Amino acid sequence: TQPDNETACIGDHVAVEFKTLTLGGTTTYDWVNTETGIGLAANGNGDISFQAQNAGTAPLTGLITVTPTFTNGGISCQGPAESFTITVNPSGQVNDPSDLAICNGTTVPEIVFGTVNTGGTTTFDWTNDLPGIGLAAAGTGNVPEFNAINTGNSPVTAVITVTPTFTNNGVSCTGTPEFFSILVNPSGQVNDVADQELCSGEETQVVLFSTTNLM
């Protein structure tokens, strides 16, 4: 019976059980595989069972050709082969974004995520552990432009976690998240200095500047 094409993620267990409509004897199956990089041997017999692999950045496809043999009364009769494919998608991947350090009130331009994966579609989901900087707590796609906020007196740092997902043939494979930080410094601040009134020739008091801002 014609097996269905299959698509899997790295690490998935792939199992293909061969079936036949032929009765009254025993049917055995011999198969060959054109792409051992998916984790399956180049040839074998019986049903297929293996753990999917893909060391590259694009989907990897093996063409499996299975030949059935019917045996009865000591006579074996080979039948026509059937072919199907097993595709192993790469895991989602996102290039590590650079950390940012900015000032309160600064407009942060859109942060565009990239990937080395090809042959499918990569989407990105992100979370932000400090929405107080002016960025939402979570989102999908690139990080949109936003105005940085820090009305306090010390720097604050948000950690952004980006999770990539690669999709091909309707199968989505999530990859390892990447992390980057957005540090927002407070605006510069100086405490008010007392006025001085002096006569000509008098020496001024020392003027000391100070701030409530912290490191």
N, C-alpha and C. Protein backbone atom coordinates (compact mmCIF):
# COMPACT_ATOMS: atom_id res chain seq x y z
N THR A 1 0.85 -1.18 0.00
CA THR A 1 0.00 0.00 0.00
C THR A 1 0.89 1.24 0.00
N GLN A 2 0.55 2.21 -0.85
CA GLN A 2 1.36 3.43 -0.98
C GLN A 2 1.47 4.16 0.36
N PRO A 3 2.71 4.30 0.91
CA PRO A 3 2.88 5.05 2.16
C PRO A 3 2.73 6.55 1.92
N ASP A 4 2.30 7.26 2.94
CA ASP A 4 2.18 8.71 2.86
C ASP A 4 3.55 9.37 3.03
N ASN A 5 3.73 10.51 2.38
CA ASN A 5 4.92 11.32 2.64
C ASN A 5 4.85 11.84 4.07
N GLU A 6 6.01 12.01 4.69
CA GLU A 6 6.05 12.47 6.08
C GLU A 6 7.04 13.61 6.24
N THR A 7 6.74 14.51 7.17
CA THR A 7 7.65 15.58 7.56
C THR A 7 7.78 15.57 9.07
N ALA A 8 9.00 15.69 9.56
CA ALA A 8 9.26 15.61 11.00
C ALA A 8 10.23 16.70 11.42
N CYS A 9 10.32 16.91 12.73
CA CYS A 9 11.31 17.80 13.32
C CYS A 9 12.49 16.98 13.84
N ILE A 10 13.62 17.64 14.01
CA ILE A 10 14.79 16.98 14.58
C ILE A 10 14.43 16.38 15.94
N GLY A 11 14.81 15.12 16.13
CA GLY A 11 14.54 14.46 17.39
C GLY A 11 13.23 13.70 17.44
N ASP A 12 12.35 13.93 16.46
CA ASP A 12 11.08 13.21 16.43
C ASP A 12 11.32 11.73 16.14
N HIS A 13 10.46 10.88 16.66
CA HIS A 13 10.49 9.46 16.31
C HIS A 13 9.62 9.25 15.08
N VAL A 14 10.23 8.75 14.02
CA VAL A 14 9.52 8.50 12.76
C VAL A 14 9.29 7.01 12.63
N ALA A 15 8.05 6.61 12.44
CA ALA A 15 7.72 5.20 12.28
C ALA A 15 6.82 5.03 11.06
N VAL A 16 7.21 4.13 10.17
CA VAL A 16 6.42 3.84 8.97
C VAL A 16 6.13 2.34 8.96
N GLU A 17 4.86 2.02 9.05
CA GLU A 17 4.45 0.60 9.02
C GLU A 17 3.92 0.28 7.62
N PHE A 18 4.57 -0.65 6.96
CA PHE A 18 4.14 -1.03 5.62
C PHE A 18 2.96 -1.99 5.69
N LYS A 19 2.04 -1.82 4.74
CA LYS A 19 0.82 -2.65 4.71
C LYS A 19 0.61 -3.19 3.29
N THR A 20 -0.20 -4.25 3.21
CA THR A 20 -0.51 -4.85 1.92
C THR A 20 -1.94 -5.35 1.91
N LEU A 21 -2.51 -5.46 0.71
CA LEU A 21 -3.83 -6.04 0.54
C LEU A 21 -3.75 -7.54 0.23
N THR A 22 -2.53 -8.02 0.00
CA THR A 22 -2.34 -9.42 -0.39
C THR A 22 -2.50 -10.34 0.81
N LEU A 23 -3.29 -11.43 0.64
CA LEU A 23 -3.55 -12.39 1.71
C LEU A 23 -3.08 -13.78 1.31
N GLY A 24 -3.06 -14.70 2.27
CA GLY A 24 -2.77 -16.09 1.98
C GLY A 24 -1.31 -16.47 2.00
N GLY A 25 -0.46 -15.55 2.37
CA GLY A 25 0.97 -15.84 2.46
C GLY A 25 1.63 -14.77 3.31
N THR A 26 2.92 -14.56 3.10
CA THR A 26 3.69 -13.58 3.86
C THR A 26 4.27 -12.54 2.92
N THR A 27 4.10 -11.28 3.28
CA THR A 27 4.69 -10.20 2.50
C THR A 27 5.82 -9.57 3.30
N THR A 28 6.98 -9.50 2.70
CA THR A 28 8.13 -8.83 3.31
C THR A 28 8.46 -7.59 2.48
N TYR A 29 9.23 -6.68 3.10
CA TYR A 29 9.50 -5.39 2.46
C TYR A 29 11.00 -5.08 2.53
N ASP A 30 11.56 -4.71 1.40
CA ASP A 30 12.94 -4.22 1.34
C ASP A 30 12.89 -2.78 0.85
N TRP A 31 13.69 -1.91 1.48
CA TRP A 31 13.64 -0.50 1.12
C TRP A 31 15.03 0.11 1.00
N VAL A 32 15.09 1.17 0.22
CA VAL A 32 16.33 1.96 0.08
C VAL A 32 15.98 3.42 0.33
N ASN A 33 16.98 4.16 0.81
CA ASN A 33 16.80 5.57 1.19
C ASN A 33 17.91 6.39 0.54
N THR A 34 17.53 7.48 -0.13
CA THR A 34 18.52 8.29 -0.85
C THR A 34 19.25 9.30 0.02
N GLU A 35 18.79 9.53 1.26
CA GLU A 35 19.39 10.58 2.10
C GLU A 35 19.55 10.08 3.53
N THR A 36 20.78 9.61 3.84
CA THR A 36 21.03 9.09 5.19
C THR A 36 21.14 10.20 6.22
N GLY A 37 21.28 11.46 5.78
CA GLY A 37 21.38 12.58 6.71
C GLY A 37 20.13 12.79 7.54
N ILE A 38 19.01 12.16 7.16
CA ILE A 38 17.79 12.31 7.95
C ILE A 38 17.80 11.38 9.17
N GLY A 39 18.84 10.52 9.26
CA GLY A 39 18.94 9.60 10.39
C GLY A 39 18.54 8.18 10.08
N LEU A 40 18.19 7.93 8.82
CA LEU A 40 17.76 6.60 8.38
C LEU A 40 18.86 5.97 7.53
N ALA A 41 19.09 4.67 7.73
CA ALA A 41 20.12 3.96 6.96
C ALA A 41 19.82 4.00 5.46
N ALA A 42 20.81 3.68 4.67
CA ALA A 42 20.66 3.71 3.21
C ALA A 42 19.75 2.60 2.71
N ASN A 43 19.60 1.53 3.48
CA ASN A 43 18.73 0.43 3.06
C ASN A 43 18.37 -0.42 4.27
N GLY A 44 17.35 -1.23 4.11
CA GLY A 44 16.93 -2.10 5.19
C GLY A 44 15.73 -2.91 4.78
N ASN A 45 15.15 -3.63 5.73
CA ASN A 45 13.96 -4.41 5.45
C ASN A 45 13.00 -4.31 6.63
N GLY A 46 11.75 -4.60 6.35
CA GLY A 46 10.73 -4.47 7.38
C GLY A 46 10.28 -3.03 7.54
N ASP A 47 9.52 -2.78 8.60
CA ASP A 47 9.02 -1.43 8.86
C ASP A 47 10.18 -0.49 9.19
N ILE A 48 9.91 0.81 9.11
CA ILE A 48 10.93 1.83 9.36
C ILE A 48 10.67 2.47 10.72
N SER A 49 11.73 2.62 11.50
CA SER A 49 11.63 3.30 12.79
C SER A 49 12.98 3.93 13.10
N PHE A 50 12.99 5.27 13.29
CA PHE A 50 14.25 5.95 13.56
C PHE A 50 13.97 7.32 14.17
N GLN A 51 15.05 7.94 14.70
CA GLN A 51 14.97 9.29 15.24
C GLN A 51 15.46 10.27 14.19
N ALA A 52 14.63 11.26 13.87
CA ALA A 52 14.93 12.19 12.79
C ALA A 52 16.14 13.07 13.10
N GLN A 53 16.96 13.30 12.08
CA GLN A 53 18.14 14.14 12.21
C GLN A 53 18.21 15.12 11.03
N ASN A 54 18.88 16.23 11.26
CA ASN A 54 19.17 17.20 10.21
C ASN A 54 20.23 18.15 10.74
N ALA A 55 21.43 18.05 10.20
CA ALA A 55 22.53 18.88 10.69
C ALA A 55 22.65 20.19 9.92
N GLY A 56 21.74 20.43 8.97
CA GLY A 56 21.84 21.62 8.14
C GLY A 56 20.87 22.72 8.54
N THR A 57 20.67 23.67 7.62
CA THR A 57 19.82 24.83 7.87
C THR A 57 18.61 24.86 6.95
N ALA A 58 18.39 23.79 6.19
CA ALA A 58 17.26 23.70 5.28
C ALA A 58 16.65 22.30 5.41
N PRO A 59 15.39 22.12 4.99
CA PRO A 59 14.78 20.79 5.07
C PRO A 59 15.60 19.77 4.28
N LEU A 60 15.67 18.57 4.82
CA LEU A 60 16.42 17.47 4.22
C LEU A 60 15.41 16.37 3.89
N THR A 61 15.44 15.89 2.64
CA THR A 61 14.43 14.93 2.20
C THR A 61 15.07 13.65 1.68
N GLY A 62 14.61 12.53 2.20
CA GLY A 62 15.01 11.23 1.70
C GLY A 62 13.88 10.62 0.88
N LEU A 63 14.23 10.07 -0.29
CA LEU A 63 13.27 9.35 -1.12
C LEU A 63 13.38 7.87 -0.76
N ILE A 64 12.31 7.32 -0.23
CA ILE A 64 12.29 5.93 0.20
C ILE A 64 11.56 5.11 -0.86
N THR A 65 12.22 4.08 -1.35
CA THR A 65 11.60 3.17 -2.31
C THR A 65 11.49 1.80 -1.66
N VAL A 66 10.27 1.30 -1.54
CA VAL A 66 10.03 0.03 -0.86
C VAL A 66 9.52 -1.00 -1.86
N THR A 67 10.16 -2.18 -1.83
CA THR A 67 9.81 -3.26 -2.74
C THR A 67 9.21 -4.43 -1.95
N PRO A 68 7.96 -4.84 -2.27
CA PRO A 68 7.32 -5.93 -1.54
C PRO A 68 7.58 -7.29 -2.21
N THR A 69 7.68 -8.30 -1.37
CA THR A 69 7.83 -9.67 -1.87
C THR A 69 6.81 -10.56 -1.16
N PHE A 70 6.00 -11.24 -1.95
CA PHE A 70 4.98 -12.15 -1.42
C PHE A 70 5.50 -13.58 -1.49
N THR A 71 5.44 -14.29 -0.36
CA THR A 71 5.94 -15.67 -0.31
C THR A 71 4.83 -16.61 0.13
N ASN A 72 4.68 -17.70 -0.63
CA ASN A 72 3.70 -18.73 -0.30
C ASN A 72 4.13 -20.04 -0.94
N GLY A 73 4.05 -21.12 -0.20
CA GLY A 73 4.42 -22.42 -0.74
C GLY A 73 5.87 -22.48 -1.19
N GLY A 74 6.72 -21.73 -0.54
CA GLY A 74 8.14 -21.74 -0.89
C GLY A 74 8.48 -20.93 -2.12
N ILE A 75 7.50 -20.26 -2.68
CA ILE A 75 7.74 -19.45 -3.88
C ILE A 75 7.58 -17.97 -3.51
N SER A 76 8.59 -17.16 -3.87
CA SER A 76 8.57 -15.72 -3.58
C SER A 76 8.34 -14.93 -4.86
N CYS A 77 7.42 -13.99 -4.78
CA CYS A 77 7.06 -13.19 -5.95
C CYS A 77 7.21 -11.71 -5.62
N GLN A 78 8.13 -11.07 -6.29
CA GLN A 78 8.39 -9.65 -6.04
C GLN A 78 7.35 -8.80 -6.75
N GLY A 79 6.88 -7.75 -6.08
CA GLY A 79 5.88 -6.87 -6.67
C GLY A 79 6.46 -5.51 -7.03
N PRO A 80 5.66 -4.66 -7.61
CA PRO A 80 6.13 -3.33 -7.99
C PRO A 80 6.44 -2.48 -6.76
N ALA A 81 7.49 -1.68 -6.86
CA ALA A 81 7.93 -0.83 -5.75
C ALA A 81 7.03 0.40 -5.63
N GLU A 82 6.96 0.93 -4.44
CA GLU A 82 6.30 2.20 -4.17
C GLU A 82 7.32 3.16 -3.54
N SER A 83 7.18 4.45 -3.82
CA SER A 83 8.12 5.44 -3.29
C SER A 83 7.37 6.52 -2.50
N PHE A 84 8.04 7.03 -1.49
CA PHE A 84 7.50 8.13 -0.70
C PHE A 84 8.68 8.90 -0.12
N THR A 85 8.40 10.04 0.47
CA THR A 85 9.49 10.88 1.01
C THR A 85 9.33 11.05 2.52
N ILE A 86 10.49 11.20 3.17
CA ILE A 86 10.54 11.60 4.57
C ILE A 86 11.40 12.86 4.63
N THR A 87 10.80 13.96 5.06
CA THR A 87 11.50 15.24 5.15
C THR A 87 11.72 15.59 6.62
N VAL A 88 12.93 16.00 6.93
CA VAL A 88 13.23 16.44 8.30
C VAL A 88 13.55 17.94 8.26
N ASN A 89 12.73 18.72 8.93
CA ASN A 89 12.96 20.16 8.99
C ASN A 89 14.09 20.48 9.97
N PRO A 90 14.81 21.58 9.73
CA PRO A 90 15.74 22.04 10.77
C PRO A 90 14.94 22.66 11.92
N SER A 91 15.55 22.74 13.07
CA SER A 91 14.92 23.46 14.17
C SER A 91 14.91 24.95 13.86
N GLY A 92 13.95 25.67 14.42
CA GLY A 92 13.95 27.11 14.26
C GLY A 92 15.25 27.72 14.77
N GLN A 93 15.71 28.78 14.12
CA GLN A 93 16.96 29.44 14.50
C GLN A 93 16.81 30.93 14.35
N VAL A 94 17.34 31.70 15.30
CA VAL A 94 17.34 33.15 15.21
C VAL A 94 18.74 33.65 15.52
N ASN A 95 19.21 34.59 14.71
CA ASN A 95 20.51 35.20 14.96
C ASN A 95 20.45 35.99 16.26
N ASP A 96 21.52 35.90 17.06
CA ASP A 96 21.54 36.54 18.39
C ASP A 96 21.52 38.06 18.23
N PRO A 97 20.46 38.74 18.70
CA PRO A 97 20.41 40.20 18.58
C PRO A 97 21.42 40.86 19.52
N SER A 98 21.87 42.04 19.15
CA SER A 98 22.81 42.79 19.98
C SER A 98 22.08 43.43 21.16
N ASP A 99 22.80 43.55 22.28
CA ASP A 99 22.26 44.28 23.43
C ASP A 99 22.19 45.78 23.09
N LEU A 100 21.27 46.47 23.74
CA LEU A 100 21.11 47.91 23.51
C LEU A 100 21.24 48.67 24.83
N ALA A 101 21.80 49.88 24.76
CA ALA A 101 21.85 50.79 25.90
C ALA A 101 21.39 52.15 25.39
N ILE A 102 20.32 52.69 25.97
CA ILE A 102 19.70 53.91 25.47
C ILE A 102 19.28 54.80 26.63
N CYS A 103 18.82 56.02 26.29
CA CYS A 103 18.40 56.99 27.30
C CYS A 103 16.88 57.05 27.39
N ASN A 104 16.39 57.47 28.53
CA ASN A 104 14.97 57.74 28.71
C ASN A 104 14.50 58.72 27.65
N GLY A 105 13.35 58.41 27.03
CA GLY A 105 12.79 59.30 26.02
C GLY A 105 13.30 59.05 24.62
N THR A 106 14.28 58.16 24.46
CA THR A 106 14.82 57.86 23.13
C THR A 106 13.87 56.96 22.37
N THR A 107 13.74 57.19 21.07
CA THR A 107 12.97 56.30 20.20
C THR A 107 13.84 55.13 19.78
N VAL A 108 13.42 53.94 20.13
CA VAL A 108 14.17 52.73 19.76
C VAL A 108 13.63 52.25 18.42
N PRO A 109 14.48 52.16 17.38
CA PRO A 109 13.98 51.70 16.08
C PRO A 109 13.58 50.23 16.11
N GLU A 110 12.81 49.82 15.12
CA GLU A 110 12.38 48.42 15.01
C GLU A 110 13.59 47.48 15.10
N ILE A 111 13.46 46.43 15.89
CA ILE A 111 14.51 45.42 16.01
C ILE A 111 14.12 44.25 15.11
N VAL A 112 14.89 44.04 14.05
CA VAL A 112 14.55 43.03 13.04
C VAL A 112 15.33 41.76 13.32
N PHE A 113 14.63 40.65 13.42
CA PHE A 113 15.26 39.36 13.67
C PHE A 113 15.62 38.69 12.34
N GLY A 114 16.71 37.93 12.36
CA GLY A 114 17.16 37.22 11.17
C GLY A 114 17.44 35.76 11.48
N THR A 115 17.59 34.95 10.42
CA THR A 115 17.86 33.53 10.58
C THR A 115 18.71 33.05 9.42
N VAL A 116 19.44 31.96 9.64
CA VAL A 116 20.22 31.35 8.55
C VAL A 116 19.41 30.25 7.87
N ASN A 117 18.26 29.89 8.43
CA ASN A 117 17.46 28.80 7.85
C ASN A 117 16.83 29.22 6.52
N THR A 118 16.71 28.25 5.63
CA THR A 118 16.08 28.48 4.32
C THR A 118 15.14 27.32 4.02
N GLY A 119 14.35 27.49 2.96
CA GLY A 119 13.50 26.40 2.51
C GLY A 119 12.17 26.29 3.22
N GLY A 120 11.85 27.24 4.06
CA GLY A 120 10.58 27.24 4.79
C GLY A 120 10.33 28.63 5.33
N THR A 121 9.52 28.73 6.34
CA THR A 121 9.19 30.03 6.94
C THR A 121 9.58 30.02 8.41
N THR A 122 10.31 31.06 8.82
CA THR A 122 10.68 31.22 10.23
C THR A 122 9.88 32.36 10.84
N THR A 123 9.24 32.07 11.95
CA THR A 123 8.51 33.09 12.70
C THR A 123 9.16 33.25 14.07
N PHE A 124 8.92 34.40 14.68
CA PHE A 124 9.57 34.73 15.96
C PHE A 124 8.53 35.17 16.98
N ASP A 125 8.61 34.59 18.17
CA ASP A 125 7.81 35.04 19.31
C ASP A 125 8.76 35.55 20.38
N TRP A 126 8.43 36.68 20.99
CA TRP A 126 9.32 37.26 21.99
C TRP A 126 8.55 37.67 23.24
N THR A 127 9.29 37.66 24.35
CA THR A 127 8.75 38.14 25.61
C THR A 127 9.72 39.16 26.21
N ASN A 128 9.17 40.07 27.00
CA ASN A 128 9.94 41.13 27.65
C ASN A 128 9.63 41.11 29.13
N ASP A 129 10.66 40.93 29.96
CA ASP A 129 10.42 40.78 31.39
C ASP A 129 10.26 42.11 32.13
N LEU A 130 10.32 43.24 31.41
CA LEU A 130 10.17 44.54 32.08
C LEU A 130 9.40 45.50 31.16
N PRO A 131 8.07 45.35 31.10
CA PRO A 131 7.28 46.22 30.22
C PRO A 131 7.38 47.70 30.58
N GLY A 132 7.86 48.01 31.80
CA GLY A 132 7.98 49.40 32.22
C GLY A 132 8.91 50.23 31.37
N ILE A 133 9.73 49.60 30.53
CA ILE A 133 10.62 50.38 29.66
C ILE A 133 9.88 50.95 28.45
N GLY A 134 8.58 50.63 28.32
CA GLY A 134 7.79 51.16 27.21
C GLY A 134 7.51 50.15 26.13
N LEU A 135 7.98 48.91 26.32
CA LEU A 135 7.77 47.83 25.35
C LEU A 135 6.79 46.82 25.93
N ALA A 136 5.90 46.29 25.07
CA ALA A 136 4.91 45.31 25.53
C ALA A 136 5.58 44.09 26.15
N ALA A 137 4.81 43.32 26.91
CA ALA A 137 5.33 42.14 27.60
C ALA A 137 5.60 40.99 26.65
N ALA A 138 4.97 40.99 25.48
CA ALA A 138 5.15 39.88 24.53
C ALA A 138 4.71 40.34 23.15
N GLY A 139 5.17 39.62 22.15
CA GLY A 139 4.78 39.95 20.79
C GLY A 139 5.23 38.88 19.81
N THR A 140 4.82 39.03 18.57
CA THR A 140 5.18 38.12 17.49
C THR A 140 5.80 38.92 16.35
N GLY A 141 6.83 38.36 15.74
CA GLY A 141 7.53 39.06 14.67
C GLY A 141 8.64 39.93 15.22
N ASN A 142 9.01 40.97 14.49
CA ASN A 142 10.05 41.88 14.95
C ASN A 142 9.55 42.72 16.13
N VAL A 143 10.49 43.24 16.91
CA VAL A 143 10.13 44.16 17.99
C VAL A 143 9.84 45.53 17.36
N PRO A 144 8.65 46.07 17.55
CA PRO A 144 8.31 47.34 16.89
C PRO A 144 9.04 48.52 17.52
N GLU A 145 9.09 49.61 16.76
CA GLU A 145 9.65 50.86 17.30
C GLU A 145 8.88 51.27 18.55
N PHE A 146 9.60 51.76 19.57
CA PHE A 146 8.93 52.24 20.78
C PHE A 146 9.76 53.32 21.44
N ASN A 147 9.12 54.09 22.33
CA ASN A 147 9.81 55.14 23.08
C ASN A 147 10.24 54.58 24.43
N ALA A 148 11.53 54.64 24.69
CA ALA A 148 12.08 54.09 25.93
C ALA A 148 11.67 54.94 27.12
N ILE A 149 11.32 54.27 28.23
CA ILE A 149 10.87 54.97 29.43
C ILE A 149 11.69 54.52 30.63
N ASN A 150 12.21 55.49 31.37
CA ASN A 150 12.80 55.26 32.68
C ASN A 150 12.70 56.55 33.46
N THR A 151 11.67 56.64 34.28
CA THR A 151 11.45 57.86 35.06
C THR A 151 12.07 57.76 36.45
N GLY A 152 12.82 56.70 36.70
CA GLY A 152 13.47 56.54 37.99
C GLY A 152 14.80 57.25 38.04
N ASN A 153 15.64 56.87 39.01
CA ASN A 153 16.93 57.54 39.16
C ASN A 153 18.11 56.57 39.02
N SER A 154 17.83 55.39 38.44
CA SER A 154 18.91 54.44 38.18
C SER A 154 18.60 53.66 36.91
N PRO A 155 19.61 53.12 36.26
CA PRO A 155 19.37 52.36 35.02
C PRO A 155 18.50 51.13 35.28
N VAL A 156 17.68 50.78 34.28
CA VAL A 156 16.88 49.55 34.34
C VAL A 156 17.18 48.72 33.11
N THR A 157 17.12 47.41 33.26
CA THR A 157 17.46 46.50 32.17
C THR A 157 16.34 45.49 31.95
N ALA A 158 15.87 45.42 30.71
CA ALA A 158 14.87 44.43 30.32
C ALA A 158 15.57 43.32 29.54
N VAL A 159 15.17 42.09 29.80
CA VAL A 159 15.69 40.94 29.06
C VAL A 159 14.61 40.46 28.08
N ILE A 160 14.98 40.44 26.81
CA ILE A 160 14.06 40.02 25.75
C ILE A 160 14.44 38.59 25.34
N THR A 161 13.46 37.69 25.35
CA THR A 161 13.66 36.30 24.96
C THR A 161 12.96 36.07 23.62
N VAL A 162 13.73 35.63 22.63
CA VAL A 162 13.20 35.42 21.27
C VAL A 162 13.22 33.92 20.95
N THR A 163 12.06 33.37 20.63
CA THR A 163 11.94 31.95 20.30
C THR A 163 11.59 31.80 18.82
N PRO A 164 12.45 31.12 18.03
CA PRO A 164 12.18 30.95 16.61
C PRO A 164 11.44 29.64 16.32
N THR A 165 10.59 29.66 15.30
CA THR A 165 9.88 28.46 14.86
C THR A 165 9.98 28.36 13.34
N PHE A 166 10.46 27.20 12.87
CA PHE A 166 10.59 26.95 11.42
C PHE A 166 9.43 26.07 10.98
N THR A 167 8.76 26.48 9.88
CA THR A 167 7.61 25.74 9.38
C THR A 167 7.81 25.37 7.92
N ASN A 168 7.56 24.08 7.61
CA ASN A 168 7.62 23.57 6.24
C ASN A 168 6.70 22.37 6.15
N ASN A 169 5.97 22.27 5.04
CA ASN A 169 5.02 21.17 4.82
C ASN A 169 4.00 21.06 5.95
N GLY A 170 3.67 22.19 6.56
CA GLY A 170 2.68 22.19 7.62
C GLY A 170 3.18 21.71 8.96
N VAL A 171 4.49 21.46 9.06
CA VAL A 171 5.08 20.99 10.32
C VAL A 171 5.96 22.10 10.88
N SER A 172 5.73 22.48 12.14
CA SER A 172 6.47 23.56 12.78
C SER A 172 7.44 23.01 13.81
N CYS A 173 8.68 23.51 13.76
CA CYS A 173 9.74 23.02 14.64
C CYS A 173 10.33 24.21 15.41
N THR A 174 10.16 24.20 16.70
CA THR A 174 10.64 25.29 17.55
C THR A 174 12.12 25.09 17.87
N GLY A 175 12.86 26.19 17.87
CA GLY A 175 14.30 26.12 18.13
C GLY A 175 14.68 26.73 19.46
N THR A 176 15.98 26.82 19.68
CA THR A 176 16.53 27.34 20.94
C THR A 176 16.34 28.86 21.00
N PRO A 177 15.81 29.38 22.11
CA PRO A 177 15.64 30.83 22.23
C PRO A 177 16.99 31.56 22.32
N GLU A 178 16.99 32.81 21.93
CA GLU A 178 18.12 33.71 22.13
C GLU A 178 17.66 34.83 23.06
N PHE A 179 18.63 35.41 23.78
CA PHE A 179 18.32 36.46 24.75
C PHE A 179 19.14 37.71 24.43
N PHE A 180 18.55 38.88 24.63
CA PHE A 180 19.32 40.12 24.57
C PHE A 180 18.70 41.11 25.54
N SER A 181 19.44 42.15 25.86
CA SER A 181 18.97 43.09 26.87
C SER A 181 18.82 44.50 26.28
N ILE A 182 17.90 45.23 26.86
CA ILE A 182 17.72 46.65 26.54
C ILE A 182 17.87 47.42 27.85
N LEU A 183 18.97 48.16 27.98
CA LEU A 183 19.23 48.98 29.18
C LEU A 183 18.77 50.40 28.91
N VAL A 184 17.95 50.92 29.80
CA VAL A 184 17.46 52.30 29.67
C VAL A 184 18.01 53.12 30.83
N ASN A 185 18.84 54.10 30.51
CA ASN A 185 19.38 55.02 31.52
C ASN A 185 18.35 56.10 31.86
N PRO A 186 18.35 56.59 33.10
CA PRO A 186 17.48 57.72 33.42
C PRO A 186 18.02 59.00 32.77
N SER A 187 17.17 59.98 32.67
CA SER A 187 17.65 61.29 32.19
C SER A 187 18.61 61.88 33.21
N GLY A 188 19.56 62.68 32.72
CA GLY A 188 20.47 63.37 33.64
C GLY A 188 19.68 64.29 34.58
N GLN A 189 20.13 64.41 35.83
CA GLN A 189 19.41 65.23 36.82
C GLN A 189 20.43 65.88 37.74
N VAL A 190 20.19 67.15 38.08
CA VAL A 190 21.04 67.85 39.04
C VAL A 190 20.14 68.51 40.08
N ASN A 191 20.53 68.40 41.35
CA ASN A 191 19.77 69.04 42.43
C ASN A 191 19.92 70.55 42.35
N ASP A 192 18.86 71.25 42.74
CA ASP A 192 18.86 72.71 42.68
C ASP A 192 19.94 73.27 43.63
N VAL A 193 20.65 74.24 43.14
CA VAL A 193 21.72 74.86 43.92
C VAL A 193 21.22 76.21 44.48
N ALA A 194 21.51 76.45 45.74
CA ALA A 194 21.05 77.70 46.39
C ALA A 194 21.70 78.92 45.74
N ASP A 195 20.93 80.00 45.63
CA ASP A 195 21.48 81.26 45.12
C ASP A 195 22.44 81.86 46.15
N GLN A 196 23.34 82.71 45.67
CA GLN A 196 24.28 83.44 46.56
C GLN A 196 24.20 84.93 46.22
N GLU A 197 24.24 85.76 47.28
CA GLU A 197 24.33 87.22 47.09
C GLU A 197 25.63 87.69 47.71
N LEU A 198 26.43 88.37 46.92
CA LEU A 198 27.76 88.77 47.37
C LEU A 198 28.00 90.24 47.07
N CYS A 199 28.90 90.78 47.83
CA CYS A 199 29.40 92.12 47.50
C CYS A 199 30.60 91.97 46.59
N SER A 200 30.88 93.02 45.87
CA SER A 200 32.06 93.01 45.00
C SER A 200 33.30 92.70 45.82
N GLY A 201 34.06 91.76 45.36
CA GLY A 201 35.31 91.40 46.03
C GLY A 201 35.18 90.26 47.00
N GLU A 202 33.93 89.93 47.42
CA GLU A 202 33.77 88.81 48.34
C GLU A 202 33.98 87.48 47.60
N GLU A 203 34.47 86.52 48.34
CA GLU A 203 34.69 85.19 47.77
C GLU A 203 33.39 84.38 47.86
N THR A 204 33.04 83.72 46.79
CA THR A 204 31.82 82.90 46.80
C THR A 204 32.01 81.66 47.65
N GLN A 205 30.90 81.14 48.09
CA GLN A 205 30.94 79.81 48.70
C GLN A 205 31.15 78.77 47.60
N VAL A 206 31.71 77.67 48.01
CA VAL A 206 31.90 76.59 47.03
C VAL A 206 30.53 76.11 46.55
N VAL A 207 30.41 75.94 45.24
CA VAL A 207 29.16 75.44 44.66
C VAL A 207 29.36 73.96 44.35
N LEU A 208 28.64 73.12 45.06
CA LEU A 208 28.74 71.67 44.86
C LEU A 208 27.49 71.18 44.13
N PHE A 209 27.70 70.51 43.01
CA PHE A 209 26.60 69.92 42.28
C PHE A 209 26.38 68.48 42.74
N SER A 210 25.11 68.09 42.80
CA SER A 210 24.78 66.71 43.22
C SER A 210 23.56 66.23 42.44
N THR A 211 23.30 64.96 42.52
CA THR A 211 22.18 64.36 41.78
C THR A 211 21.56 63.24 42.61
N THR A 212 20.30 62.97 42.33
CA THR A 212 19.65 61.80 42.94
C THR A 212 19.88 60.54 42.12
N ASN A 213 20.45 60.67 40.93
CA ASN A 213 20.66 59.50 40.08
C ASN A 213 21.70 58.57 40.70
N LEU A 214 21.48 57.30 40.48
CA LEU A 214 22.38 56.27 41.00
C LEU A 214 23.01 55.52 39.84
N MET A 215 24.05 54.82 40.15
CA MET A 215 24.73 54.02 39.13
C MET A 215 23.87 52.79 38.81
